Amino acid sequence: LVQVEAGAVPDDRLLAAHRRPRALPAAGQALA
């Protein structure tokens, strides 16, 4: 989003975290 604010083309790897965030239920269950 910093890249977007600056008018730059955002890095696809970074933008993916905004578009399609990754939930971690398997890790949560493992930690519990």
mmCIF file of all heavy atoms, coordinates in Angstrom:
data_MODEL
# 
_entry.id   MODEL 
# 
loop_
_atom_site.group_PDB 
_atom_site.id 
_atom_site.type_symbol 
_atom_site.label_atom_id 
_atom_site.label_alt_id 
_atom_site.label_comp_id 
_atom_site.label_asym_id 
_atom_site.label_entity_id 
_atom_site.label_seq_id 
_atom_site.pdbx_PDB_ins_code 
_atom_site.Cartn_x 
_atom_site.Cartn_y 
_atom_site.Cartn_z 
_atom_site.occupancy 
_atom_site.B_iso_or_equiv 
_atom_site.pdbx_formal_charge 
_atom_site.auth_seq_id 
_atom_site.auth_comp_id 
_atom_site.auth_asym_id 
_atom_site.auth_atom_id 
_atom_site.pdbx_PDB_model_num 
ATOM 1   N N   . LEU A 1 1  ? 0.815  -1.208  0.000   1.00 0.00 ? 1  LEU A N   1 
ATOM 2   C CA  . LEU A 1 1  ? 0.000  0.000   0.000   1.00 0.00 ? 1  LEU A CA  1 
ATOM 3   C C   . LEU A 1 1  ? 0.853  1.264   0.000   1.00 0.00 ? 1  LEU A C   1 
ATOM 4   O O   . LEU A 1 1  ? 0.432  2.303   -0.528  1.00 0.00 ? 1  LEU A O   1 
ATOM 5   C CB  . LEU A 1 1  ? -0.948 -0.024  1.197   1.00 0.00 ? 1  LEU A CB  1 
ATOM 6   C CG  . LEU A 1 1  ? -2.009 -1.134  1.120   1.00 0.00 ? 1  LEU A CG  1 
ATOM 7   C CD1 . LEU A 1 1  ? -2.803 -1.226  2.408   1.00 0.00 ? 1  LEU A CD1 1 
ATOM 8   C CD2 . LEU A 1 1  ? -2.933 -0.923  -0.070  1.00 0.00 ? 1  LEU A CD2 1 
ATOM 9   N N   . VAL A 1 2  ? 2.053  1.187   0.558   1.00 0.00 ? 2  VAL A N   1 
ATOM 10  C CA  . VAL A 1 2  ? 2.992  2.304   0.455   1.00 0.00 ? 2  VAL A CA  1 
ATOM 11  C C   . VAL A 1 2  ? 3.357  2.533   -1.005  1.00 0.00 ? 2  VAL A C   1 
ATOM 12  O O   . VAL A 1 2  ? 3.431  3.675   -1.478  1.00 0.00 ? 2  VAL A O   1 
ATOM 13  C CB  . VAL A 1 2  ? 4.251  2.037   1.309   1.00 0.00 ? 2  VAL A CB  1 
ATOM 14  C CG1 . VAL A 1 2  ? 5.383  2.993   0.936   1.00 0.00 ? 2  VAL A CG1 1 
ATOM 15  C CG2 . VAL A 1 2  ? 3.929  2.176   2.794   1.00 0.00 ? 2  VAL A CG2 1 
ATOM 16  N N   . GLN A 1 3  ? 3.599  1.454   -1.735  1.00 0.00 ? 3  GLN A N   1 
ATOM 17  C CA  . GLN A 1 3  ? 3.899  1.585   -3.159  1.00 0.00 ? 3  GLN A CA  1 
ATOM 18  C C   . GLN A 1 3  ? 2.725  2.206   -3.915  1.00 0.00 ? 3  GLN A C   1 
ATOM 19  O O   . GLN A 1 3  ? 2.918  3.054   -4.786  1.00 0.00 ? 3  GLN A O   1 
ATOM 20  C CB  . GLN A 1 3  ? 4.241  0.216   -3.747  1.00 0.00 ? 3  GLN A CB  1 
ATOM 21  C CG  . GLN A 1 3  ? 5.568  -0.349  -3.265  1.00 0.00 ? 3  GLN A CG  1 
ATOM 22  C CD  . GLN A 1 3  ? 5.870  -1.696  -3.896  1.00 0.00 ? 3  GLN A CD  1 
ATOM 23  O OE1 . GLN A 1 3  ? 5.062  -2.627  -3.823  1.00 0.00 ? 3  GLN A OE1 1 
ATOM 24  N NE2 . GLN A 1 3  ? 7.029  -1.804  -4.518  1.00 0.00 ? 3  GLN A NE2 1 
ATOM 25  N N   . VAL A 1 4  ? 1.517  1.794   -3.580  1.00 0.00 ? 4  VAL A N   1 
ATOM 26  C CA  . VAL A 1 4  ? 0.333  2.355   -4.232  1.00 0.00 ? 4  VAL A CA  1 
ATOM 27  C C   . VAL A 1 4  ? 0.223  3.844   -3.942  1.00 0.00 ? 4  VAL A C   1 
ATOM 28  O O   . VAL A 1 4  ? -0.030 4.657   -4.845  1.00 0.00 ? 4  VAL A O   1 
ATOM 29  C CB  . VAL A 1 4  ? -0.939 1.615   -3.755  1.00 0.00 ? 4  VAL A CB  1 
ATOM 30  C CG1 . VAL A 1 4  ? -2.192 2.326   -4.247  1.00 0.00 ? 4  VAL A CG1 1 
ATOM 31  C CG2 . VAL A 1 4  ? -0.927 0.173   -4.241  1.00 0.00 ? 4  VAL A CG2 1 
ATOM 32  N N   . GLU A 1 5  ? 0.427  4.223   -2.681  1.00 0.00 ? 5  GLU A N   1 
ATOM 33  C CA  . GLU A 1 5  ? 0.377  5.640   -2.303  1.00 0.00 ? 5  GLU A CA  1 
ATOM 34  C C   . GLU A 1 5  ? 1.392  6.474   -3.085  1.00 0.00 ? 5  GLU A C   1 
ATOM 35  O O   . GLU A 1 5  ? 1.138  7.626   -3.433  1.00 0.00 ? 5  GLU A O   1 
ATOM 36  C CB  . GLU A 1 5  ? 0.658  5.801   -0.806  1.00 0.00 ? 5  GLU A CB  1 
ATOM 37  C CG  . GLU A 1 5  ? -0.481 5.416   0.098   1.00 0.00 ? 5  GLU A CG  1 
ATOM 38  C CD  . GLU A 1 5  ? -0.133 5.659   1.553   1.00 0.00 ? 5  GLU A CD  1 
ATOM 39  O OE1 . GLU A 1 5  ? 1.063  5.818   1.877   1.00 0.00 ? 5  GLU A OE1 1 
ATOM 40  O OE2 . GLU A 1 5  ? -1.052 5.700   2.379   1.00 0.00 ? 5  GLU A OE2 1 
ATOM 41  N N   . ALA A 1 6  ? 2.551  5.865   -3.344  1.00 0.00 ? 6  ALA A N   1 
ATOM 42  C CA  . ALA A 1 6  ? 3.624  6.584   -4.038  1.00 0.00 ? 6  ALA A CA  1 
ATOM 43  C C   . ALA A 1 6  ? 3.439  6.606   -5.552  1.00 0.00 ? 6  ALA A C   1 
ATOM 44  O O   . ALA A 1 6  ? 4.247  7.206   -6.273  1.00 0.00 ? 6  ALA A O   1 
ATOM 45  C CB  . ALA A 1 6  ? 4.969  5.948   -3.695  1.00 0.00 ? 6  ALA A CB  1 
ATOM 46  N N   . GLY A 1 7  ? 2.396  5.942   -6.042  1.00 0.00 ? 7  GLY A N   1 
ATOM 47  C CA  . GLY A 1 7  ? 2.152  5.909   -7.481  1.00 0.00 ? 7  GLY A CA  1 
ATOM 48  C C   . GLY A 1 7  ? 2.994  4.892   -8.211  1.00 0.00 ? 7  GLY A C   1 
ATOM 49  O O   . GLY A 1 7  ? 3.056  4.909   -9.450  1.00 0.00 ? 7  GLY A O   1 
ATOM 50  N N   . ALA A 1 8  ? 3.649  4.011   -7.474  1.00 0.00 ? 8  ALA A N   1 
ATOM 51  C CA  . ALA A 1 8  ? 4.483  2.972   -8.080  1.00 0.00 ? 8  ALA A CA  1 
ATOM 52  C C   . ALA A 1 8  ? 3.652  1.724   -8.347  1.00 0.00 ? 8  ALA A C   1 
ATOM 53  O O   . ALA A 1 8  ? 2.599  1.516   -7.743  1.00 0.00 ? 8  ALA A O   1 
ATOM 54  C CB  . ALA A 1 8  ? 5.650  2.636   -7.158  1.00 0.00 ? 8  ALA A CB  1 
ATOM 55  N N   . VAL A 1 9  ? 4.134  0.910   -9.253  1.00 0.00 ? 9  VAL A N   1 
ATOM 56  C CA  . VAL A 1 9  ? 3.488  -0.375  -9.498  1.00 0.00 ? 9  VAL A CA  1 
ATOM 57  C C   . VAL A 1 9  ? 3.847  -1.300  -8.338  1.00 0.00 ? 9  VAL A C   1 
ATOM 58  O O   . VAL A 1 9  ? 5.025  -1.573  -8.102  1.00 0.00 ? 9  VAL A O   1 
ATOM 59  C CB  . VAL A 1 9  ? 3.967  -0.993  -10.827 1.00 0.00 ? 9  VAL A CB  1 
ATOM 60  C CG1 . VAL A 1 9  ? 3.334  -2.370  -11.021 1.00 0.00 ? 9  VAL A CG1 1 
ATOM 61  C CG2 . VAL A 1 9  ? 3.622  -0.078  -11.987 1.00 0.00 ? 9  VAL A CG2 1 
ATOM 62  N N   . PRO A 1 10 ? 2.857  -1.781  -7.582  1.00 0.00 ? 10 PRO A N   1 
ATOM 63  C CA  . PRO A 1 10 ? 3.182  -2.588  -6.408  1.00 0.00 ? 10 PRO A CA  1 
ATOM 64  C C   . PRO A 1 10 ? 3.758  -3.944  -6.777  1.00 0.00 ? 10 PRO A C   1 
ATOM 65  O O   . PRO A 1 10 ? 3.391  -4.533  -7.793  1.00 0.00 ? 10 PRO A O   1 
ATOM 66  C CB  . PRO A 1 10 ? 1.832  -2.732  -5.696  1.00 0.00 ? 10 PRO A CB  1 
ATOM 67  C CG  . PRO A 1 10 ? 0.814  -2.488  -6.748  1.00 0.00 ? 10 PRO A CG  1 
ATOM 68  C CD  . PRO A 1 10 ? 1.417  -1.542  -7.730  1.00 0.00 ? 10 PRO A CD  1 
ATOM 69  N N   . ASP A 1 11 ? 4.670  -4.392  -5.949  1.00 0.00 ? 11 ASP A N   1 
ATOM 70  C CA  . ASP A 1 11 ? 5.253  -5.722  -6.085  1.00 0.00 ? 11 ASP A CA  1 
ATOM 71  C C   . ASP A 1 11 ? 4.135  -6.751  -5.916  1.00 0.00 ? 11 ASP A C   1 
ATOM 72  O O   . ASP A 1 11 ? 3.404  -6.734  -4.927  1.00 0.00 ? 11 ASP A O   1 
ATOM 73  C CB  . ASP A 1 11 ? 6.325  -5.901  -4.994  1.00 0.00 ? 11 ASP A CB  1 
ATOM 74  C CG  . ASP A 1 11 ? 7.067  -7.217  -5.100  1.00 0.00 ? 11 ASP A CG  1 
ATOM 75  O OD1 . ASP A 1 11 ? 6.409  -8.269  -5.173  1.00 0.00 ? 11 ASP A OD1 1 
ATOM 76  O OD2 . ASP A 1 11 ? 8.317  -7.201  -5.079  1.00 0.00 ? 11 ASP A OD2 1 
ATOM 77  N N   . ASP A 1 12 ? 3.993  -7.649  -6.879  1.00 0.00 ? 12 ASP A N   1 
ATOM 78  C CA  . ASP A 1 12 ? 2.905  -8.629  -6.836  1.00 0.00 ? 12 ASP A CA  1 
ATOM 79  C C   . ASP A 1 12 ? 2.950  -9.489  -5.581  1.00 0.00 ? 12 ASP A C   1 
ATOM 80  O O   . ASP A 1 12 ? 1.903  -9.854  -5.032  1.00 0.00 ? 12 ASP A O   1 
ATOM 81  C CB  . ASP A 1 12 ? 2.941  -9.531  -8.069  1.00 0.00 ? 12 ASP A CB  1 
ATOM 82  C CG  . ASP A 1 12 ? 2.407  -8.841  -9.318  1.00 0.00 ? 12 ASP A CG  1 
ATOM 83  O OD1 . ASP A 1 12 ? 1.686  -7.833  -9.170  1.00 0.00 ? 12 ASP A OD1 1 
ATOM 84  O OD2 . ASP A 1 12 ? 2.726  -9.300  -10.430 1.00 0.00 ? 12 ASP A OD2 1 
ATOM 85  N N   . ARG A 1 13 ? 4.158  -9.815  -5.108  1.00 0.00 ? 13 ARG A N   1 
ATOM 86  C CA  . ARG A 1 13 ? 4.269  -10.643 -3.896  1.00 0.00 ? 13 ARG A CA  1 
ATOM 87  C C   . ARG A 1 13 ? 3.712  -9.903  -2.689  1.00 0.00 ? 13 ARG A C   1 
ATOM 88  O O   . ARG A 1 13 ? 3.064  -10.510 -1.826  1.00 0.00 ? 13 ARG A O   1 
ATOM 89  C CB  . ARG A 1 13 ? 5.721  -11.015 -3.644  1.00 0.00 ? 13 ARG A CB  1 
ATOM 90  C CG  . ARG A 1 13 ? 6.373  -11.886 -4.707  1.00 0.00 ? 13 ARG A CG  1 
ATOM 91  C CD  . ARG A 1 13 ? 7.869  -11.950 -4.468  1.00 0.00 ? 13 ARG A CD  1 
ATOM 92  N NE  . ARG A 1 13 ? 8.475  -10.624 -4.534  1.00 0.00 ? 13 ARG A NE  1 
ATOM 93  C CZ  . ARG A 1 13 ? 9.713  -10.345 -4.130  1.00 0.00 ? 13 ARG A CZ  1 
ATOM 94  N NH1 . ARG A 1 13 ? 10.467 -11.305 -3.609  1.00 0.00 ? 13 ARG A NH1 1 
ATOM 95  N NH2 . ARG A 1 13 ? 10.193 -9.118  -4.240  1.00 0.00 ? 13 ARG A NH2 1 
ATOM 96  N N   . LEU A 1 14 ? 3.956  -8.603  -2.628  1.00 0.00 ? 14 LEU A N   1 
ATOM 97  C CA  . LEU A 1 14 ? 3.464  -7.814  -1.506  1.00 0.00 ? 14 LEU A CA  1 
ATOM 98  C C   . LEU A 1 14 ? 1.968  -7.546  -1.627  1.00 0.00 ? 14 LEU A C   1 
ATOM 99  O O   . LEU A 1 14 ? 1.222  -7.649  -0.646  1.00 0.00 ? 14 LEU A O   1 
ATOM 100 C CB  . LEU A 1 14 ? 4.232  -6.486  -1.428  1.00 0.00 ? 14 LEU A CB  1 
ATOM 101 C CG  . LEU A 1 14 ? 5.740  -6.601  -1.222  1.00 0.00 ? 14 LEU A CG  1 
ATOM 102 C CD1 . LEU A 1 14 ? 6.378  -5.225  -1.235  1.00 0.00 ? 14 LEU A CD1 1 
ATOM 103 C CD2 . LEU A 1 14 ? 6.058  -7.316  0.094   1.00 0.00 ? 14 LEU A CD2 1 
ATOM 104 N N   . LEU A 1 15 ? 1.537  -7.221  -2.835  1.00 0.00 ? 15 LEU A N   1 
ATOM 105 C CA  . LEU A 1 15 ? 0.118  -6.932  -3.032  1.00 0.00 ? 15 LEU A CA  1 
ATOM 106 C C   . LEU A 1 15 ? -0.740 -8.164  -2.764  1.00 0.00 ? 15 LEU A C   1 
ATOM 107 O O   . LEU A 1 15 ? -1.888 -8.048  -2.314  1.00 0.00 ? 15 LEU A O   1 
ATOM 108 C CB  . LEU A 1 15 ? -0.119 -6.414  -4.447  1.00 0.00 ? 15 LEU A CB  1 
ATOM 109 C CG  . LEU A 1 15 ? -1.498 -5.827  -4.737  1.00 0.00 ? 15 LEU A CG  1 
ATOM 110 C CD1 . LEU A 1 15 ? -1.830 -4.698  -3.757  1.00 0.00 ? 15 LEU A CD1 1 
ATOM 111 C CD2 . LEU A 1 15 ? -1.584 -5.347  -6.183  1.00 0.00 ? 15 LEU A CD2 1 
ATOM 112 N N   . ALA A 1 16 ? -0.188 -9.356  -3.017  1.00 0.00 ? 16 ALA A N   1 
ATOM 113 C CA  . ALA A 1 16 ? -0.934 -10.587 -2.738  1.00 0.00 ? 16 ALA A CA  1 
ATOM 114 C C   . ALA A 1 16 ? -1.293 -10.696 -1.264  1.00 0.00 ? 16 ALA A C   1 
ATOM 115 O O   . ALA A 1 16 ? -2.342 -11.259 -0.910  1.00 0.00 ? 16 ALA A O   1 
ATOM 116 C CB  . ALA A 1 16 ? -0.115 -11.804 -3.171  1.00 0.00 ? 16 ALA A CB  1 
ATOM 117 N N   . ALA A 1 17 ? -0.446 -10.159 -0.379  1.00 0.00 ? 17 ALA A N   1 
ATOM 118 C CA  . ALA A 1 17 ? -0.732 -10.210 1.055   1.00 0.00 ? 17 ALA A CA  1 
ATOM 119 C C   . ALA A 1 17 ? -1.934 -9.349  1.408   1.00 0.00 ? 17 ALA A C   1 
ATOM 120 O O   . ALA A 1 17 ? -2.653 -9.633  2.367   1.00 0.00 ? 17 ALA A O   1 
ATOM 121 C CB  . ALA A 1 17 ? 0.491  -9.744  1.847   1.00 0.00 ? 17 ALA A CB  1 
ATOM 122 N N   . HIS A 1 18 ? -2.170 -8.278  0.653   1.00 0.00 ? 18 HIS A N   1 
ATOM 123 C CA  . HIS A 1 18 ? -3.356 -7.441  0.849   1.00 0.00 ? 18 HIS A CA  1 
ATOM 124 C C   . HIS A 1 18 ? -4.582 -8.067  0.189   1.00 0.00 ? 18 HIS A C   1 
ATOM 125 O O   . HIS A 1 18 ? -5.664 -8.095  0.767   1.00 0.00 ? 18 HIS A O   1 
ATOM 126 C CB  . HIS A 1 18 ? -3.101 -6.055  0.266   1.00 0.00 ? 18 HIS A CB  1 
ATOM 127 C CG  . HIS A 1 18 ? -4.339 -5.217  0.132   1.00 0.00 ? 18 HIS A CG  1 
ATOM 128 N ND1 . HIS A 1 18 ? -4.986 -4.674  1.221   1.00 0.00 ? 18 HIS A ND1 1 
ATOM 129 C CD2 . HIS A 1 18 ? -5.058 -4.845  -0.964  1.00 0.00 ? 18 HIS A CD2 1 
ATOM 130 C CE1 . HIS A 1 18 ? -6.054 -4.000  0.804   1.00 0.00 ? 18 HIS A CE1 1 
ATOM 131 N NE2 . HIS A 1 18 ? -6.112 -4.087  -0.519  1.00 0.00 ? 18 HIS A NE2 1 
ATOM 132 N N   . ARG A 1 19 ? -4.388 -8.577  -1.032  1.00 0.00 ? 19 ARG A N   1 
ATOM 133 C CA  . ARG A 1 19 ? -5.516 -9.127  -1.784  1.00 0.00 ? 19 ARG A CA  1 
ATOM 134 C C   . ARG A 1 19 ? -6.015 -10.450 -1.205  1.00 0.00 ? 19 ARG A C   1 
ATOM 135 O O   . ARG A 1 19 ? -7.217 -10.658 -1.043  1.00 0.00 ? 19 ARG A O   1 
ATOM 136 C CB  . ARG A 1 19 ? -5.102 -9.363  -3.231  1.00 0.00 ? 19 ARG A CB  1 
ATOM 137 C CG  . ARG A 1 19 ? -4.947 -8.130  -4.080  1.00 0.00 ? 19 ARG A CG  1 
ATOM 138 C CD  . ARG A 1 19 ? -4.361 -8.521  -5.431  1.00 0.00 ? 19 ARG A CD  1 
ATOM 139 N NE  . ARG A 1 19 ? -4.430 -7.430  -6.400  1.00 0.00 ? 19 ARG A NE  1 
ATOM 140 C CZ  . ARG A 1 19 ? -3.711 -7.402  -7.505  1.00 0.00 ? 19 ARG A CZ  1 
ATOM 141 N NH1 . ARG A 1 19 ? -2.879 -8.398  -7.786  1.00 0.00 ? 19 ARG A NH1 1 
ATOM 142 N NH2 . ARG A 1 19 ? -3.825 -6.380  -8.342  1.00 0.00 ? 19 ARG A NH2 1 
ATOM 143 N N   . ARG A 1 20 ? -5.081 -11.339 -0.963  1.00 0.00 ? 20 ARG A N   1 
ATOM 144 C CA  . ARG A 1 20 ? -5.437 -12.693 -0.526  1.00 0.00 ? 20 ARG A CA  1 
ATOM 145 C C   . ARG A 1 20 ? -4.584 -13.091 0.677   1.00 0.00 ? 20 ARG A C   1 
ATOM 146 O O   . ARG A 1 20 ? -3.649 -13.892 0.560   1.00 0.00 ? 20 ARG A O   1 
ATOM 147 C CB  . ARG A 1 20 ? -5.263 -13.693 -1.668  1.00 0.00 ? 20 ARG A CB  1 
ATOM 148 C CG  . ARG A 1 20 ? -6.221 -13.430 -2.828  1.00 0.00 ? 20 ARG A CG  1 
ATOM 149 C CD  . ARG A 1 20 ? -6.406 -14.650 -3.698  1.00 0.00 ? 20 ARG A CD  1 
ATOM 150 N NE  . ARG A 1 20 ? -7.474 -14.446 -4.649  1.00 0.00 ? 20 ARG A NE  1 
ATOM 151 C CZ  . ARG A 1 20 ? -8.245 -15.420 -5.147  1.00 0.00 ? 20 ARG A CZ  1 
ATOM 152 N NH1 . ARG A 1 20 ? -8.040 -16.674 -4.774  1.00 0.00 ? 20 ARG A NH1 1 
ATOM 153 N NH2 . ARG A 1 20 ? -9.204 -15.151 -6.007  1.00 0.00 ? 20 ARG A NH2 1 
ATOM 154 N N   . PRO A 1 21 ? -4.900 -12.526 1.838   1.00 0.00 ? 21 PRO A N   1 
ATOM 155 C CA  . PRO A 1 21 ? -4.103 -12.848 3.040   1.00 0.00 ? 21 PRO A CA  1 
ATOM 156 C C   . PRO A 1 21 ? -4.175 -14.332 3.377   1.00 0.00 ? 21 PRO A C   1 
ATOM 157 O O   . PRO A 1 21 ? -5.148 -15.016 3.048   1.00 0.00 ? 21 PRO A O   1 
ATOM 158 C CB  . PRO A 1 21 ? -4.744 -11.999 4.137   1.00 0.00 ? 21 PRO A CB  1 
ATOM 159 C CG  . PRO A 1 21 ? -6.110 -11.673 3.630   1.00 0.00 ? 21 PRO A CG  1 
ATOM 160 C CD  . PRO A 1 21 ? -5.997 -11.604 2.148   1.00 0.00 ? 21 PRO A CD  1 
ATOM 161 N N   . ARG A 1 22 ? -3.129 -14.771 4.042   1.00 0.00 ? 22 ARG A N   1 
ATOM 162 C CA  . ARG A 1 22 ? -2.994 -16.187 4.396   1.00 0.00 ? 22 ARG A CA  1 
ATOM 163 C C   . ARG A 1 22 ? -3.342 -16.371 5.869   1.00 0.00 ? 22 ARG A C   1 
ATOM 164 O O   . ARG A 1 22 ? -2.714 -15.794 6.746   1.00 0.00 ? 22 ARG A O   1 
ATOM 165 C CB  . ARG A 1 22 ? -1.550 -16.621 4.143   1.00 0.00 ? 22 ARG A CB  1 
ATOM 166 C CG  . ARG A 1 22 ? -1.240 -18.058 4.485   1.00 0.00 ? 22 ARG A CG  1 
ATOM 167 C CD  . ARG A 1 22 ? 0.240  -18.324 4.383   1.00 0.00 ? 22 ARG A CD  1 
ATOM 168 N NE  . ARG A 1 22 ? 1.008  -17.603 5.403   1.00 0.00 ? 22 ARG A NE  1 
ATOM 169 C CZ  . ARG A 1 22 ? 2.169  -18.002 5.892   1.00 0.00 ? 22 ARG A CZ  1 
ATOM 170 N NH1 . ARG A 1 22 ? 2.714  -19.108 5.452   1.00 0.00 ? 22 ARG A NH1 1 
ATOM 171 N NH2 . ARG A 1 22 ? 2.798  -17.295 6.792   1.00 0.00 ? 22 ARG A NH2 1 
ATOM 172 N N   . ALA A 1 23 ? -4.370 -17.152 6.136   1.00 0.00 ? 23 ALA A N   1 
ATOM 173 C CA  . ALA A 1 23 ? -4.696 -17.519 7.515   1.00 0.00 ? 23 ALA A CA  1 
ATOM 174 C C   . ALA A 1 23 ? -3.899 -18.763 7.902   1.00 0.00 ? 23 ALA A C   1 
ATOM 175 O O   . ALA A 1 23 ? -3.466 -19.530 7.041   1.00 0.00 ? 23 ALA A O   1 
ATOM 176 C CB  . ALA A 1 23 ? -6.190 -17.779 7.660   1.00 0.00 ? 23 ALA A CB  1 
ATOM 177 N N   . LEU A 1 24 ? -3.712 -18.976 9.208   1.00 0.00 ? 24 LEU A N   1 
ATOM 178 C CA  . LEU A 1 24 ? -2.835 -20.049 9.682   1.00 0.00 ? 24 LEU A CA  1 
ATOM 179 C C   . LEU A 1 24 ? -3.527 -20.973 10.692  1.00 0.00 ? 24 LEU A C   1 
ATOM 180 O O   . LEU A 1 24 ? -3.033 -21.180 11.799  1.00 0.00 ? 24 LEU A O   1 
ATOM 181 C CB  . LEU A 1 24 ? -1.580 -19.442 10.321  1.00 0.00 ? 24 LEU A CB  1 
ATOM 182 C CG  . LEU A 1 24 ? -0.728 -18.526 9.443   1.00 0.00 ? 24 LEU A CG  1 
ATOM 183 C CD1 . LEU A 1 24 ? 0.410  -17.925 10.258  1.00 0.00 ? 24 LEU A CD1 1 
ATOM 184 C CD2 . LEU A 1 24 ? -0.179 -19.297 8.249   1.00 0.00 ? 24 LEU A CD2 1 
ATOM 185 N N   . PRO A 1 25 ? -4.670 -21.577 10.324  1.00 0.00 ? 25 PRO A N   1 
ATOM 186 C CA  . PRO A 1 25 ? -5.333 -22.449 11.295  1.00 0.00 ? 25 PRO A CA  1 
ATOM 187 C C   . PRO A 1 25 ? -4.519 -23.684 11.675  1.00 0.00 ? 25 PRO A C   1 
ATOM 188 O O   . PRO A 1 25 ? -4.561 -24.120 12.828  1.00 0.00 ? 25 PRO A O   1 
ATOM 189 C CB  . PRO A 1 25 ? -6.644 -22.836 10.605  1.00 0.00 ? 25 PRO A CB  1 
ATOM 190 C CG  . PRO A 1 25 ? -6.386 -22.613 9.144   1.00 0.00 ? 25 PRO A CG  1 
ATOM 191 C CD  . PRO A 1 25 ? -5.443 -21.456 9.074   1.00 0.00 ? 25 PRO A CD  1 
ATOM 192 N N   . ALA A 1 26 ? -3.774 -24.244 10.734  1.00 0.00 ? 26 ALA A N   1 
ATOM 193 C CA  . ALA A 1 26 ? -2.965 -25.419 11.073  1.00 0.00 ? 26 ALA A CA  1 
ATOM 194 C C   . ALA A 1 26 ? -1.887 -25.050 12.086  1.00 0.00 ? 26 ALA A C   1 
ATOM 195 O O   . ALA A 1 26 ? -1.634 -25.790 13.052  1.00 0.00 ? 26 ALA A O   1 
ATOM 196 C CB  . ALA A 1 26 ? -2.335 -26.008 9.815   1.00 0.00 ? 26 ALA A CB  1 
ATOM 197 N N   . ALA A 1 27 ? -1.242 -23.894 11.887  1.00 0.00 ? 27 ALA A N   1 
ATOM 198 C CA  . ALA A 1 27 ? -0.226 -23.448 12.846  1.00 0.00 ? 27 ALA A CA  1 
ATOM 199 C C   . ALA A 1 27 ? -0.859 -23.130 14.192  1.00 0.00 ? 27 ALA A C   1 
ATOM 200 O O   . ALA A 1 27 ? -0.294 -23.437 15.249  1.00 0.00 ? 27 ALA A O   1 
ATOM 201 C CB  . ALA A 1 27 ? 0.498  -22.220 12.300  1.00 0.00 ? 27 ALA A CB  1 
ATOM 202 N N   . GLY A 1 28 ? -2.037 -22.509 14.178  1.00 0.00 ? 28 GLY A N   1 
ATOM 203 C CA  . GLY A 1 28 ? -2.719 -22.204 15.433  1.00 0.00 ? 28 GLY A CA  1 
ATOM 204 C C   . GLY A 1 28 ? -3.041 -23.448 16.228  1.00 0.00 ? 28 GLY A C   1 
ATOM 205 O O   . GLY A 1 28 ? -2.842 -23.490 17.459  1.00 0.00 ? 28 GLY A O   1 
ATOM 206 N N   . GLN A 1 29 ? -3.524 -24.473 15.547  1.00 0.00 ? 29 GLN A N   1 
ATOM 207 C CA  . GLN A 1 29 ? -3.830 -25.730 16.235  1.00 0.00 ? 29 GLN A CA  1 
ATOM 208 C C   . GLN A 1 29 ? -2.557 -26.400 16.753  1.00 0.00 ? 29 GLN A C   1 
ATOM 209 O O   . GLN A 1 29 ? -2.543 -26.954 17.846  1.00 0.00 ? 29 GLN A O   1 
ATOM 210 C CB  . GLN A 1 29 ? -4.577 -26.663 15.287  1.00 0.00 ? 29 GLN A CB  1 
ATOM 211 C CG  . GLN A 1 29 ? -5.972 -26.165 14.923  1.00 0.00 ? 29 GLN A CG  1 
ATOM 212 C CD  . GLN A 1 29 ? -6.563 -26.938 13.766  1.00 0.00 ? 29 GLN A CD  1 
ATOM 213 O OE1 . GLN A 1 29 ? -6.915 -28.116 13.908  1.00 0.00 ? 29 GLN A OE1 1 
ATOM 214 N NE2 . GLN A 1 29 ? -6.660 -26.308 12.606  1.00 0.00 ? 29 GLN A NE2 1 
ATOM 215 N N   . ALA A 1 30 ? -1.493 -26.328 15.967  1.00 0.00 ? 30 ALA A N   1 
ATOM 216 C CA  . ALA A 1 30 ? -0.227 -26.925 16.390  1.00 0.00 ? 30 ALA A CA  1 
ATOM 217 C C   . ALA A 1 30 ? 0.322  -26.222 17.627  1.00 0.00 ? 30 ALA A C   1 
ATOM 218 O O   . ALA A 1 30 ? 0.782  -26.869 18.585  1.00 0.00 ? 30 ALA A O   1 
ATOM 219 C CB  . ALA A 1 30 ? 0.788  -26.864 15.251  1.00 0.00 ? 30 ALA A CB  1 
ATOM 220 N N   . LEU A 1 31 ? 0.277  -24.890 17.630  1.00 0.00 ? 31 LEU A N   1 
ATOM 221 C CA  . LEU A 1 31 ? 0.772  -24.130 18.783  1.00 0.00 ? 31 LEU A CA  1 
ATOM 222 C C   . LEU A 1 31 ? -0.080 -24.404 20.017  1.00 0.00 ? 31 LEU A C   1 
ATOM 223 O O   . LEU A 1 31 ? 0.441  -24.557 21.126  1.00 0.00 ? 31 LEU A O   1 
ATOM 224 C CB  . LEU A 1 31 ? 0.780  -22.639 18.449  1.00 0.00 ? 31 LEU A CB  1 
ATOM 225 C CG  . LEU A 1 31 ? 1.841  -22.206 17.445  1.00 0.00 ? 31 LEU A CG  1 
ATOM 226 C CD1 . LEU A 1 31 ? 1.531  -20.820 16.893  1.00 0.00 ? 31 LEU A CD1 1 
ATOM 227 C CD2 . LEU A 1 31 ? 3.222  -22.224 18.097  1.00 0.00 ? 31 LEU A CD2 1 
ATOM 228 N N   . ALA A 1 32 ? -1.393 -24.478 19.830  1.00 0.00 ? 32 ALA A N   1 
ATOM 229 C CA  . ALA A 1 32 ? -2.285 -24.765 20.956  1.00 0.00 ? 32 ALA A CA  1 
ATOM 230 C C   . ALA A 1 32 ? -1.993 -26.136 21.551  1.00 0.00 ? 32 ALA A C   1 
ATOM 231 O O   . ALA A 1 32 ? -2.019 -26.324 22.770  1.00 0.00 ? 32 ALA A O   1 
ATOM 232 C CB  . ALA A 1 32 ? -3.738 -24.689 20.499  1.00 0.00 ? 32 ALA A CB  1 
# 
